[in-house]
Amino acid sequence: MVDGTSKELRASTLHFMMLTVKDNWERLFERDAVGALEALLPPVLSSARWYGGKARTIAAVRIKEAIPLLTDAHSMVMVFIDVSYEDSGHNLYTMVLTVSVGEQALQMQQAHPEAVLAELTIVGQNGDQDGLLHDALWDHDSAQALLQAVRQEERFQGEGGVLHASSTHAFSQAILEAASVESSVMQGEQSNTSVRFGRRAMLKLYRRFEAGINPDLEIGRVLTARGYVHSPTVLGSLEYTRPNQQPGTVAIVHRFVENQGDAWRYTLSELEAELVDNSSSIMRASNAYPDAAALLGRRTAELHLALAQDTEDPAFAPEPCTAGYWQSLRDRMTRSVEGSLVLLSRRLQDVHEPNRRLATLVLESKAVLLSRLEAPAKRNPQAVRIRCHGDFHLGQVLYTGRDFVIIDFEGEPARPLAERRAKHVPIVDVAGMVRSFHYAACAVLDRVGSRPGIDERRSELEQWTRQWYRSAADAFVSGYTETTGKVPFLPEQADDRDMLLDAYLIEKACYELSYELNNRPSWAGIPLSGLHQLAQPI
């Protein structure tokens, strides 16, 4: 018999797919029943923000592992979903699933319909029970159970492997009485899902799973141990281990950082305010933002100094840059830049008309750009490689109102794990931030320049934003180099540092160009203008 609440639920969720299971919802994952769940997963995955295969055609979806998570009588299942594509590739994704029934199901359906996978009927001897199968992270009790599993360092056995939780010495201090703190899923993330526990902690579930430690956890542990205070303290993690494979990171728990948003939004706000204030008078640049950029440069330098400390751990031990390394760097950069320029030539008609002439100039500058990539291999500067951030830009920094905190050491999720754990001359991070300043300047110019009455002052606005970009980049680089001083991970000669920065800027701008051509052609003008500037005589 279905009670009144269940009838209301059924009437209000007709747009969801329906599943039926006998006795217990966890039987959905048994071999004779799992096919029904697998059949509904392709559209669920395709609509998820974190799913990275939207541009590929799914050939099949299979639940490779389903691990029951029974914590304090709360029932969840960690599932590893193997997605194979028609181009023969495949990825492994993670979800934590649970079921809500009755009033709780109605609340879930109304508040978080994006978390619902299906309507579920559990057929039992004493009558049927209707509910919703959904992502557990949106449920407070489930999120709290995951956090407590980390606190208690629990182990959960699956058919193919073991999910094990661990905590650091900082956990108890940070999450005292965490069960009384409300949880909420953070909005806006693209490749992962984070749950905030009040002002105490953040749990991030990595949606795409790979064997091997995630750099976010690996670097975070090292920075926590070495006392670097401008990144979030690591409190714990969830890792999954299969026989004869390295443990893979499923989730990480960080101490919550009080902030006013990321540095990208802070920068856009500051820059737009300056443009608007100056829009009807003689353009002038404020000293406020260069001071902030210099501070960010100092925090970045301190990060690299922490990561460059001597250690017996081979994953973090600094390594000298040999002649062979510079040659391999040149070859990698050359392949990347040539690939982007080939894509540009093929997609020239997709570039918006105002930027098409700029695109042609960049294509004509190919030889100049490639010659800049040759310089490190020719000069063989003395430097060492260390672990770096790897995907450094303003969106990877939190602004506290007075200072900056660097976050998200995962690297570019689309790149292989081994590549994201590679060591580099840390000028690569400097280049990433300099490019981010350029993006901010162009984005605000486009926003303000489209307002009524601004057209006649467009040239002046462009000149002012170029000046702002140069002052921000110069302040950042100055703050960085003044803090590092003479260190092994930077070439001693300024000319060598500038040469490397140019090479990394070219590679980064070409990466951006490929991304924009494939995803946002209207933004292609930003990396194109950067490449055009980089091709000018030094």
Protein backbone atom coordinates (compact mmCIF):
# COMPACT_ATOMS: atom_id res chain seq x y z
CA MET A 1 0.00 0.00 0.00
CA VAL A 2 1.22 3.50 -0.93
CA ASP A 3 0.62 6.24 1.65
CA GLY A 4 -0.45 9.81 0.87
CA THR A 5 3.09 11.17 0.77
CA SER A 6 4.15 8.52 -1.73
CA LYS A 7 1.18 9.34 -3.96
CA GLU A 8 2.19 13.00 -3.96
CA LEU A 9 5.76 12.04 -4.79
CA ARG A 10 4.69 9.81 -7.66
CA ALA A 11 2.43 12.49 -9.10
CA SER A 12 5.19 15.10 -8.98
CA THR A 13 8.07 13.08 -10.42
CA LEU A 14 6.70 11.71 -13.67
CA HIS A 15 9.63 13.23 -15.56
CA PHE A 16 12.06 10.92 -13.74
CA MET A 17 12.77 7.39 -14.89
CA MET A 18 11.32 4.68 -12.65
CA LEU A 19 13.02 1.71 -11.03
CA THR A 20 11.57 -1.13 -8.98
CA VAL A 21 13.46 -3.35 -6.55
CA LYS A 22 12.48 -6.00 -4.00
CA ASP A 23 13.00 -5.63 -0.25
CA ASN A 24 16.08 -3.38 -0.16
CA TRP A 25 17.22 -0.56 -2.43
CA GLU A 26 20.83 -1.78 -2.35
CA ARG A 27 19.72 -4.79 -4.41
CA LEU A 28 19.77 -2.39 -7.38
CA PHE A 29 23.50 -3.16 -7.61
CA GLU A 30 23.21 -6.94 -7.68
CA ARG A 31 24.15 -8.58 -10.95
CA ASP A 32 20.63 -9.58 -11.94
CA ALA A 33 19.27 -6.06 -11.35
CA VAL A 34 22.07 -3.59 -12.10
CA GLY A 35 21.30 -3.45 -15.83
CA ALA A 36 18.20 -1.32 -15.20
CA LEU A 37 20.29 1.23 -13.32
CA GLU A 38 23.02 1.22 -15.97
CA ALA A 39 20.42 1.88 -18.66
CA LEU A 40 19.33 5.18 -17.11
CA LEU A 41 22.84 6.50 -16.44
CA PRO A 42 23.79 7.92 -19.90
CA PRO A 43 21.29 10.84 -19.77
CA VAL A 44 22.05 11.36 -16.08
CA LEU A 45 25.76 11.68 -16.83
CA SER A 46 25.25 13.87 -19.89
CA SER A 47 23.28 16.41 -17.85
CA ALA A 48 25.74 16.53 -14.92
CA ARG A 49 27.95 19.62 -14.68
CA TRP A 50 30.94 17.51 -13.69
CA TYR A 51 30.75 15.03 -16.57
CA GLY A 52 33.69 15.67 -18.91
CA GLY A 53 32.60 13.57 -21.90
CA LYS A 54 29.83 15.77 -23.29
CA ALA A 55 31.62 16.15 -26.64
CA ARG A 56 31.91 12.35 -27.05
CA THR A 57 29.30 9.72 -27.93
CA ILE A 58 28.69 7.13 -25.21
CA ALA A 59 28.88 3.53 -26.39
CA ALA A 60 28.14 1.84 -23.08
CA VAL A 61 27.90 2.49 -19.34
CA ARG A 62 28.73 -0.16 -16.76
CA ILE A 63 28.88 -0.03 -12.97
CA LYS A 64 32.31 -1.49 -12.36
CA GLU A 65 32.19 -1.39 -8.57
CA ALA A 66 29.49 -0.66 -5.97
CA ILE A 67 30.71 -0.36 -2.37
CA PRO A 68 28.13 -0.19 0.45
CA LEU A 69 28.93 2.58 2.93
CA LEU A 70 27.18 1.72 6.17
CA THR A 71 28.03 4.36 8.77
CA ASP A 72 25.94 4.69 11.93
CA ALA A 73 23.06 2.88 10.22
CA HIS A 74 23.06 5.40 7.35
CA SER A 75 23.00 3.63 3.99
CA MET A 76 24.90 4.86 0.92
CA VAL A 77 26.67 3.19 -2.00
CA MET A 78 29.86 4.45 -3.65
CA VAL A 79 29.69 3.54 -7.34
CA PHE A 80 32.46 3.57 -9.94
CA ILE A 81 30.92 4.04 -13.37
CA ASP A 82 32.87 2.91 -16.42
CA VAL A 83 31.89 5.00 -19.46
CA SER A 84 33.13 3.74 -22.82
CA TYR A 85 32.90 5.86 -25.96
CA GLU A 86 32.45 5.14 -29.63
CA ASP A 87 36.00 6.40 -30.27
CA SER A 88 37.22 3.44 -28.14
CA GLY A 89 38.28 5.52 -25.15
CA HIS A 90 36.77 5.24 -21.69
CA ASN A 91 36.67 7.04 -18.32
CA LEU A 92 35.79 6.02 -14.78
CA TYR A 93 33.47 8.32 -12.80
CA THR A 94 32.37 8.27 -9.17
CA MET A 95 29.00 8.86 -7.53
CA VAL A 96 27.74 8.33 -3.99
CA LEU A 97 24.09 7.25 -4.11
CA THR A 98 21.37 6.98 -1.49
CA VAL A 99 17.58 6.82 -1.28
CA SER A 100 15.12 9.21 0.34
CA VAL A 101 11.52 8.29 1.07
CA GLY A 102 8.44 10.09 2.32
CA GLU A 103 8.72 13.74 3.26
CA GLN A 104 12.49 13.68 2.83
CA ALA A 105 12.04 12.57 -0.78
CA LEU A 106 9.61 15.40 -1.46
CA GLN A 107 12.07 17.91 -0.03
CA MET A 108 14.89 16.50 -2.16
CA GLN A 109 12.78 16.60 -5.33
CA GLN A 110 11.74 20.19 -4.70
CA ALA A 111 15.07 21.59 -3.51
CA HIS A 112 17.58 19.61 -5.60
CA PRO A 113 15.96 18.01 -8.66
CA GLU A 114 19.38 18.03 -10.36
CA ALA A 115 20.55 15.41 -7.83
CA VAL A 116 17.76 12.91 -8.60
CA LEU A 117 18.50 9.87 -10.77
CA ALA A 118 15.16 8.05 -10.67
CA GLU A 119 11.93 7.41 -8.83
CA LEU A 120 12.23 4.16 -6.92
CA THR A 121 9.60 1.70 -5.68
CA ILE A 122 10.77 -0.78 -3.06
CA VAL A 123 8.44 -3.79 -3.11
CA GLY A 124 8.19 -5.42 0.32
CA GLN A 125 6.08 -8.03 2.08
CA ASN A 126 4.31 -5.33 4.09
CA GLY A 127 3.60 -3.08 1.11
CA ASP A 128 5.41 -0.88 -1.37
CA GLN A 129 7.51 2.15 -0.46
CA ASP A 130 8.13 4.97 -2.90
CA GLY A 131 11.18 7.20 -2.87
CA LEU A 132 13.95 8.78 -4.91
CA LEU A 133 17.36 7.44 -5.85
CA HIS A 134 19.70 10.44 -5.78
CA ASP A 135 23.22 11.75 -5.37
CA ALA A 136 23.98 11.48 -1.66
CA LEU A 137 26.06 14.67 -1.46
CA TRP A 138 22.88 16.78 -1.50
CA ASP A 139 21.56 14.98 1.59
CA HIS A 140 22.76 16.38 4.93
CA ASP A 141 22.81 13.04 6.77
CA SER A 142 24.75 11.39 3.95
CA ALA A 143 27.31 14.18 3.73
CA GLN A 144 27.79 14.08 7.50
CA ALA A 145 28.23 10.30 7.36
CA LEU A 146 31.01 10.68 4.80
CA LEU A 147 32.74 13.25 6.98
CA GLN A 148 32.50 11.02 10.02
CA ALA A 149 33.88 8.08 8.01
CA VAL A 150 37.00 10.18 7.39
CA ARG A 151 37.17 11.12 11.07
CA GLN A 152 36.96 7.46 12.14
CA GLU A 153 39.29 6.28 9.36
CA GLU A 154 36.85 3.60 8.25
CA ARG A 155 37.41 0.95 5.58
CA PHE A 156 34.72 -0.29 3.20
CA GLN A 157 35.21 -3.51 1.27
CA GLY A 158 34.00 -3.85 -2.31
CA GLU A 159 34.17 -6.79 -4.70
CA GLY A 160 37.08 -5.32 -6.64
CA GLY A 161 38.85 -3.14 -4.10
CA VAL A 162 38.79 -1.29 -0.80
CA LEU A 163 37.69 2.27 -0.03
CA HIS A 164 39.64 3.58 2.93
CA ALA A 165 39.34 6.85 4.81
CA SER A 166 42.14 8.64 6.63
CA SER A 167 42.54 11.86 8.60
CA THR A 168 45.42 14.15 9.49
CA HIS A 169 46.41 15.53 12.90
CA ALA A 170 44.43 18.71 12.11
CA PHE A 171 41.06 16.97 11.67
CA SER A 172 39.77 16.92 15.25
CA GLN A 173 40.67 20.54 15.90
CA ALA A 174 38.94 21.74 12.72
CA ILE A 175 35.74 19.67 12.86
CA LEU A 176 34.84 19.63 16.54
CA GLU A 177 31.07 19.15 16.80
CA ALA A 178 30.79 19.12 13.00
CA ALA A 179 27.62 17.01 13.16
CA SER A 180 25.70 20.12 14.26
CA VAL A 181 26.87 22.10 11.22
CA GLU A 182 24.61 22.31 8.17
CA SER A 183 26.07 21.02 4.89
CA SER A 184 25.57 22.53 1.44
CA VAL A 185 26.81 21.67 -2.05
CA MET A 186 28.88 24.43 -3.58
CA GLN A 187 27.62 25.81 -6.88
CA GLY A 188 29.62 26.53 -10.02
CA GLU A 189 32.15 23.69 -9.99
CA GLN A 190 32.70 22.01 -13.33
CA SER A 191 34.72 18.84 -12.85
CA ASN A 192 34.19 17.95 -9.16
CA THR A 193 31.59 18.41 -6.42
CA SER A 194 32.35 20.10 -3.08
CA VAL A 195 30.27 20.06 0.09
CA ARG A 196 30.71 22.81 2.62
CA PHE A 197 30.20 22.07 6.33
CA GLY A 198 29.41 25.49 7.73
CA ARG A 199 32.64 27.38 8.30
CA ARG A 200 34.57 24.30 9.35
CA ALA A 201 35.41 22.07 6.40
CA MET A 202 35.04 21.35 2.69
CA LEU A 203 34.74 17.83 1.25
CA LYS A 204 35.56 17.59 -2.45
CA LEU A 205 34.53 14.47 -4.39
CA TYR A 206 36.66 13.93 -7.49
CA ARG A 207 34.23 12.78 -10.13
CA ARG A 208 36.75 11.35 -12.60
CA PHE A 209 38.73 8.54 -11.01
CA GLU A 210 42.27 7.49 -11.88
CA ALA A 211 44.62 5.09 -10.12
CA GLY A 212 47.34 7.09 -8.40
CA ILE A 213 47.28 9.93 -5.90
CA ASN A 214 45.61 13.14 -7.00
CA PRO A 215 48.07 16.09 -6.95
CA ASP A 216 45.55 18.11 -4.94
CA LEU A 217 45.87 15.65 -2.07
CA GLU A 218 49.56 14.94 -2.62
CA ILE A 219 50.67 18.58 -2.70
CA GLY A 220 48.15 19.58 -0.04
CA ARG A 221 49.60 17.07 2.43
CA VAL A 222 53.12 18.33 1.80
CA LEU A 223 52.16 21.99 2.18
CA THR A 224 50.24 21.20 5.37
CA ALA A 225 53.26 19.35 6.78
CA ARG A 226 55.66 22.14 5.78
CA GLY A 227 53.55 24.86 7.37
CA TYR A 228 52.57 26.81 4.26
CA VAL A 229 49.63 28.82 5.58
CA HIS A 230 48.32 30.29 2.32
CA SER A 231 46.67 27.09 1.09
CA PRO A 232 43.85 25.14 2.80
CA THR A 233 44.93 22.67 5.47
CA VAL A 234 44.31 19.04 4.47
CA LEU A 235 42.15 17.27 7.05
CA GLY A 236 41.61 13.88 5.45
CA SER A 237 40.79 11.86 2.36
CA LEU A 238 39.02 8.89 0.82
CA GLU A 239 41.11 6.58 -1.37
CA TYR A 240 40.23 3.48 -3.37
CA THR A 241 42.70 0.64 -3.90
CA ARG A 242 42.44 -2.30 -6.28
CA PRO A 243 44.85 -5.27 -6.29
CA ASN A 244 48.18 -4.52 -7.99
CA GLN A 245 47.28 -0.84 -8.47
CA GLN A 246 48.21 2.36 -6.69
CA PRO A 247 45.56 3.90 -4.44
CA GLY A 248 43.43 6.43 -6.29
CA THR A 249 42.03 9.58 -4.65
CA VAL A 250 38.24 9.66 -4.38
CA ALA A 251 37.77 12.66 -2.09
CA ILE A 252 39.68 15.18 -0.01
CA VAL A 253 38.65 17.14 3.09
CA HIS A 254 40.08 20.64 3.62
CA ARG A 255 39.74 23.16 6.40
CA PHE A 256 37.25 25.84 5.29
CA VAL A 257 38.84 29.17 4.35
CA GLU A 258 36.93 32.37 5.08
CA ASN A 259 36.87 34.34 1.83
CA GLN A 260 35.07 36.91 -0.28
CA GLY A 261 35.17 34.83 -3.46
CA ASP A 262 37.97 33.98 -5.84
CA ALA A 263 40.61 36.38 -7.11
CA TRP A 264 39.08 36.36 -10.60
CA ARG A 265 35.85 37.94 -9.37
CA TYR A 266 37.77 40.30 -7.11
CA THR A 267 39.97 41.40 -10.01
CA LEU A 268 37.04 41.93 -12.39
CA SER A 269 35.23 43.98 -9.75
CA GLU A 270 38.25 46.18 -9.04
CA LEU A 271 39.07 46.66 -12.71
CA GLU A 272 35.50 47.43 -13.75
CA ALA A 273 35.14 49.95 -10.92
CA GLU A 274 38.27 51.74 -12.11
CA LEU A 275 37.07 51.78 -15.71
CA VAL A 276 33.63 53.11 -14.78
CA ASP A 277 35.12 55.76 -12.48
CA ASN A 278 37.39 56.90 -15.31
CA SER A 279 34.91 56.52 -18.15
CA SER A 280 34.02 60.20 -18.37
CA SER A 281 37.33 61.82 -17.50
CA ILE A 282 41.04 61.50 -18.22
CA MET A 283 41.99 57.85 -17.80
CA ARG A 284 44.27 57.17 -14.87
CA ALA A 285 45.45 54.00 -13.21
CA SER A 286 45.00 53.33 -9.50
CA ASN A 287 47.84 51.96 -7.42
CA ALA A 288 45.47 49.69 -5.47
CA TYR A 289 45.45 46.67 -7.74
CA PRO A 290 49.20 46.54 -8.48
CA ASP A 291 49.71 46.36 -4.71
CA ALA A 292 47.35 43.37 -4.59
CA ALA A 293 49.11 41.78 -7.57
CA ALA A 294 52.47 42.19 -5.85
CA LEU A 295 51.07 40.49 -2.74
CA LEU A 296 49.82 37.61 -4.88
CA GLY A 297 53.30 37.40 -6.40
CA ARG A 298 54.80 37.07 -2.92
CA ARG A 299 52.33 34.34 -1.95
CA THR A 300 53.15 32.47 -5.16
CA ALA A 301 56.87 32.72 -4.45
CA GLU A 302 56.32 31.41 -0.92
CA LEU A 303 54.40 28.47 -2.39
CA HIS A 304 57.31 27.59 -4.68
CA LEU A 305 59.83 27.99 -1.87
CA ALA A 306 57.80 25.53 0.23
CA LEU A 307 57.57 23.02 -2.63
CA ALA A 308 61.30 23.35 -3.40
CA GLN A 309 62.52 22.22 0.03
CA ASP A 310 64.96 19.33 -0.02
CA THR A 311 63.35 15.98 0.62
CA GLU A 312 64.03 12.29 0.22
CA ASP A 313 60.60 11.83 -1.33
CA PRO A 314 61.30 11.34 -5.06
CA ALA A 315 57.91 12.83 -5.96
CA PHE A 316 59.05 16.20 -4.54
CA ALA A 317 62.85 16.17 -4.74
CA PRO A 318 64.09 19.02 -7.01
CA GLU A 319 65.69 17.80 -10.25
CA PRO A 320 68.22 19.65 -12.45
CA CYS A 321 67.20 20.81 -15.92
CA THR A 322 69.56 19.03 -18.31
CA ALA A 323 70.14 19.81 -21.96
CA GLY A 324 67.91 16.85 -22.75
CA TYR A 325 65.13 18.34 -20.65
CA TRP A 326 65.25 21.68 -22.48
CA GLN A 327 65.11 19.85 -25.80
CA SER A 328 62.11 17.79 -24.71
CA LEU A 329 60.42 20.96 -23.44
CA ARG A 330 61.00 22.63 -26.80
CA ASP A 331 59.58 19.63 -28.65
CA ARG A 332 56.49 19.46 -26.42
CA MET A 333 55.82 23.19 -26.70
CA THR A 334 56.37 23.11 -30.45
CA ARG A 335 53.84 20.29 -30.92
CA SER A 336 51.32 22.14 -28.77
CA VAL A 337 51.72 25.49 -30.54
CA GLU A 338 51.70 23.97 -34.02
CA GLY A 339 48.55 22.03 -33.18
CA SER A 340 46.78 25.19 -32.01
CA LEU A 341 47.78 27.13 -35.12
CA VAL A 342 46.62 24.29 -37.39
CA LEU A 343 43.28 24.35 -35.58
CA LEU A 344 43.12 28.14 -36.02
CA SER A 345 43.71 27.87 -39.77
CA ARG A 346 40.94 25.28 -40.04
CA ARG A 347 38.51 27.23 -37.88
CA LEU A 348 39.29 30.70 -39.19
CA GLN A 349 35.70 31.22 -40.30
CA ASP A 350 34.50 30.55 -36.73
CA VAL A 351 36.52 33.50 -35.43
CA HIS A 352 34.29 36.54 -35.09
CA GLU A 353 34.83 39.16 -37.77
CA PRO A 354 36.51 41.81 -35.55
CA ASN A 355 39.20 39.25 -34.66
CA ARG A 356 39.71 37.58 -38.02
CA ARG A 357 42.40 40.03 -39.13
CA LEU A 358 44.16 39.42 -35.80
CA ALA A 359 43.95 35.67 -36.40
CA THR A 360 45.61 36.11 -39.79
CA LEU A 361 48.42 38.13 -38.23
CA VAL A 362 49.00 35.40 -35.64
CA LEU A 363 49.17 32.73 -38.35
CA GLU A 364 51.67 34.89 -40.25
CA SER A 365 53.75 35.10 -37.05
CA LYS A 366 54.11 31.33 -36.71
CA ALA A 367 57.85 31.31 -37.44
CA VAL A 368 58.50 34.04 -34.85
CA LEU A 369 56.48 32.25 -32.19
CA LEU A 370 58.21 28.93 -32.82
CA SER A 371 61.63 30.58 -32.74
CA ARG A 372 60.87 31.85 -29.21
CA LEU A 373 60.34 28.24 -28.16
CA GLU A 374 63.81 27.31 -29.44
CA ALA A 375 65.62 29.71 -27.12
CA PRO A 376 65.74 27.55 -23.93
CA ALA A 377 67.23 24.57 -25.79
CA LYS A 378 69.83 26.84 -27.39
CA ARG A 379 70.82 28.65 -24.18
CA ASN A 380 70.48 25.74 -21.74
CA PRO A 381 69.88 27.92 -18.64
CA GLN A 382 70.79 26.59 -15.21
CA ALA A 383 67.67 25.79 -13.17
CA VAL A 384 65.96 22.95 -11.32
CA ARG A 385 62.47 21.54 -11.70
CA ILE A 386 60.06 21.27 -8.78
CA ARG A 387 56.41 20.41 -8.21
CA CYS A 388 54.22 23.37 -9.14
CA HIS A 389 50.56 24.32 -9.09
CA GLY A 390 50.26 23.41 -12.75
CA ASP A 391 46.95 25.16 -13.55
CA PHE A 392 47.53 28.55 -11.98
CA HIS A 393 45.17 31.44 -12.64
CA LEU A 394 43.01 33.92 -10.75
CA GLY A 395 40.20 31.39 -10.38
CA GLN A 396 42.53 29.15 -8.36
CA VAL A 397 43.06 31.78 -5.67
CA LEU A 398 40.69 32.86 -2.90
CA TYR A 399 40.58 36.51 -1.81
CA THR A 400 40.06 36.89 1.94
CA GLY A 401 39.56 40.66 1.90
CA ARG A 402 43.14 41.26 2.97
CA ASP A 403 45.17 38.39 1.54
CA PHE A 404 45.20 35.47 -0.89
CA VAL A 405 44.90 31.71 -0.41
CA ILE A 406 45.96 29.36 -3.23
CA ILE A 407 43.68 26.38 -3.87
CA ASP A 408 43.06 23.44 -6.22
CA PHE A 409 46.36 21.71 -6.97
CA GLU A 410 44.65 19.05 -9.06
CA GLY A 411 46.03 20.37 -12.35
CA GLU A 412 44.10 20.41 -15.62
CA PRO A 413 41.65 17.48 -15.17
CA ALA A 414 41.69 16.62 -18.88
CA ARG A 415 45.43 15.87 -18.78
CA PRO A 416 46.79 12.44 -17.73
CA LEU A 417 47.64 12.06 -14.05
CA ALA A 418 51.35 11.46 -14.73
CA GLU A 419 51.54 14.72 -16.66
CA ARG A 420 49.80 16.62 -13.85
CA ARG A 421 52.34 15.27 -11.34
CA ALA A 422 55.35 16.24 -13.46
CA LYS A 423 57.97 18.73 -12.25
CA HIS A 424 58.56 22.04 -14.02
CA VAL A 425 60.54 25.22 -13.72
CA PRO A 426 57.94 27.18 -11.69
CA ILE A 427 57.93 30.05 -14.17
CA VAL A 428 55.11 28.00 -15.70
CA ASP A 429 52.89 29.15 -12.81
CA VAL A 430 54.04 32.75 -13.24
CA ALA A 431 53.04 32.57 -16.91
CA GLY A 432 49.62 31.17 -16.01
CA MET A 433 48.89 34.11 -13.71
CA VAL A 434 50.19 36.71 -16.17
CA ARG A 435 47.85 35.28 -18.82
CA SER A 436 45.00 35.46 -16.29
CA PHE A 437 45.61 39.19 -15.81
CA HIS A 438 45.36 39.59 -19.58
CA TYR A 439 42.08 37.67 -19.63
CA ALA A 440 40.68 39.87 -16.88
CA ALA A 441 41.64 43.07 -18.72
CA CYS A 442 40.04 41.88 -21.97
CA ALA A 443 36.90 40.56 -20.27
CA VAL A 444 36.23 43.83 -18.47
CA LEU A 445 37.01 45.89 -21.57
CA ASP A 446 34.44 43.86 -23.49
CA ARG A 447 31.85 44.27 -20.72
CA VAL A 448 32.31 48.01 -20.20
CA GLY A 449 32.98 48.75 -23.87
CA SER A 450 29.57 47.41 -24.88
CA ARG A 451 27.69 49.99 -22.82
CA PRO A 452 25.83 52.82 -24.59
CA GLY A 453 27.91 55.89 -25.31
CA ILE A 454 31.27 54.16 -24.89
CA ASP A 455 32.05 53.49 -28.56
CA GLU A 456 33.68 56.87 -29.15
CA ARG A 457 36.07 56.23 -26.27
CA ARG A 458 36.87 52.63 -27.20
CA SER A 459 40.45 53.41 -28.24
CA GLU A 460 41.15 55.20 -24.96
CA LEU A 461 39.65 52.33 -22.96
CA GLU A 462 41.79 49.81 -24.84
CA GLN A 463 44.92 51.83 -24.13
CA TRP A 464 44.02 52.09 -20.44
CA THR A 465 43.36 48.35 -20.03
CA ARG A 466 46.68 47.54 -21.74
CA GLN A 467 48.37 49.84 -19.23
CA TRP A 468 46.47 48.15 -16.37
CA TYR A 469 47.50 44.70 -17.59
CA ARG A 470 51.17 45.66 -17.84
CA SER A 471 51.17 47.24 -14.37
CA ALA A 472 49.43 44.23 -12.79
CA ALA A 473 51.74 41.72 -14.51
CA ASP A 474 54.87 43.73 -13.68
CA ALA A 475 53.82 44.08 -10.03
CA PHE A 476 53.09 40.35 -9.77
CA VAL A 477 56.43 39.37 -11.31
CA SER A 478 58.31 41.89 -9.15
CA GLY A 479 56.63 40.65 -5.98
CA TYR A 480 57.51 37.10 -7.01
CA THR A 481 61.18 37.63 -7.85
CA GLU A 482 61.84 39.90 -4.84
CA THR A 483 60.53 37.15 -2.55
CA THR A 484 62.32 34.24 -4.19
CA GLY A 485 65.66 36.01 -4.48
CA LYS A 486 68.46 33.82 -5.79
CA VAL A 487 67.10 30.27 -5.82
CA PRO A 488 68.01 27.11 -7.76
CA PHE A 489 64.59 26.79 -9.40
CA LEU A 490 65.01 30.07 -11.33
CA PRO A 491 67.78 30.94 -13.81
CA GLU A 492 70.15 33.44 -12.26
CA GLN A 493 70.21 35.74 -15.30
CA ALA A 494 67.17 37.98 -15.83
CA ASP A 495 67.40 37.47 -19.61
CA ASP A 496 67.05 33.72 -19.14
CA ARG A 497 64.04 34.18 -16.85
CA ASP A 498 62.38 36.48 -19.40
CA MET A 499 63.15 34.02 -22.21
CA LEU A 500 61.46 31.18 -20.29
CA LEU A 501 58.50 33.34 -19.36
CA ASP A 502 57.92 34.23 -23.03
CA ALA A 503 58.04 30.55 -24.05
CA TYR A 504 55.55 29.53 -21.36
CA LEU A 505 53.29 32.49 -22.20
CA ILE A 506 53.20 31.42 -25.86
CA GLU A 507 52.38 27.83 -24.94
CA LYS A 508 49.68 28.93 -22.48
CA ALA A 509 48.08 31.36 -24.95
CA CYS A 510 47.97 28.64 -27.61
CA TYR A 511 46.32 26.25 -25.15
CA GLU A 512 43.75 28.96 -24.44
CA LEU A 513 43.24 29.50 -28.16
CA SER A 514 42.44 25.83 -28.76
CA TYR A 515 40.03 25.82 -25.83
CA GLU A 516 38.20 28.93 -27.02
CA LEU A 517 37.95 27.74 -30.63
CA ASN A 518 36.41 24.48 -29.42
CA ASN A 519 34.15 25.91 -26.73
CA ARG A 520 33.70 29.72 -26.97
CA PRO A 521 34.75 31.07 -30.38
CA SER A 522 33.59 34.55 -29.38
CA TRP A 523 36.41 34.62 -26.77
CA ALA A 524 39.16 33.62 -29.20
CA GLY A 525 40.18 37.25 -29.56
CA ILE A 526 41.71 37.23 -26.06
CA PRO A 527 44.43 34.61 -26.66
CA LEU A 528 44.84 35.91 -30.22
CA SER A 529 45.67 39.40 -28.93
CA GLY A 530 48.07 37.85 -26.43
CA LEU A 531 49.86 35.86 -29.13
CA HIS A 532 50.05 38.92 -31.37
CA GLN A 533 51.74 40.88 -28.57
CA LEU A 534 54.14 37.99 -27.86
CA ALA A 535 55.16 37.88 -31.52
CA GLN A 536 56.35 41.50 -31.49
CA PRO A 537 60.10 42.27 -31.44
CA ILE A 538 61.61 42.06 -27.96
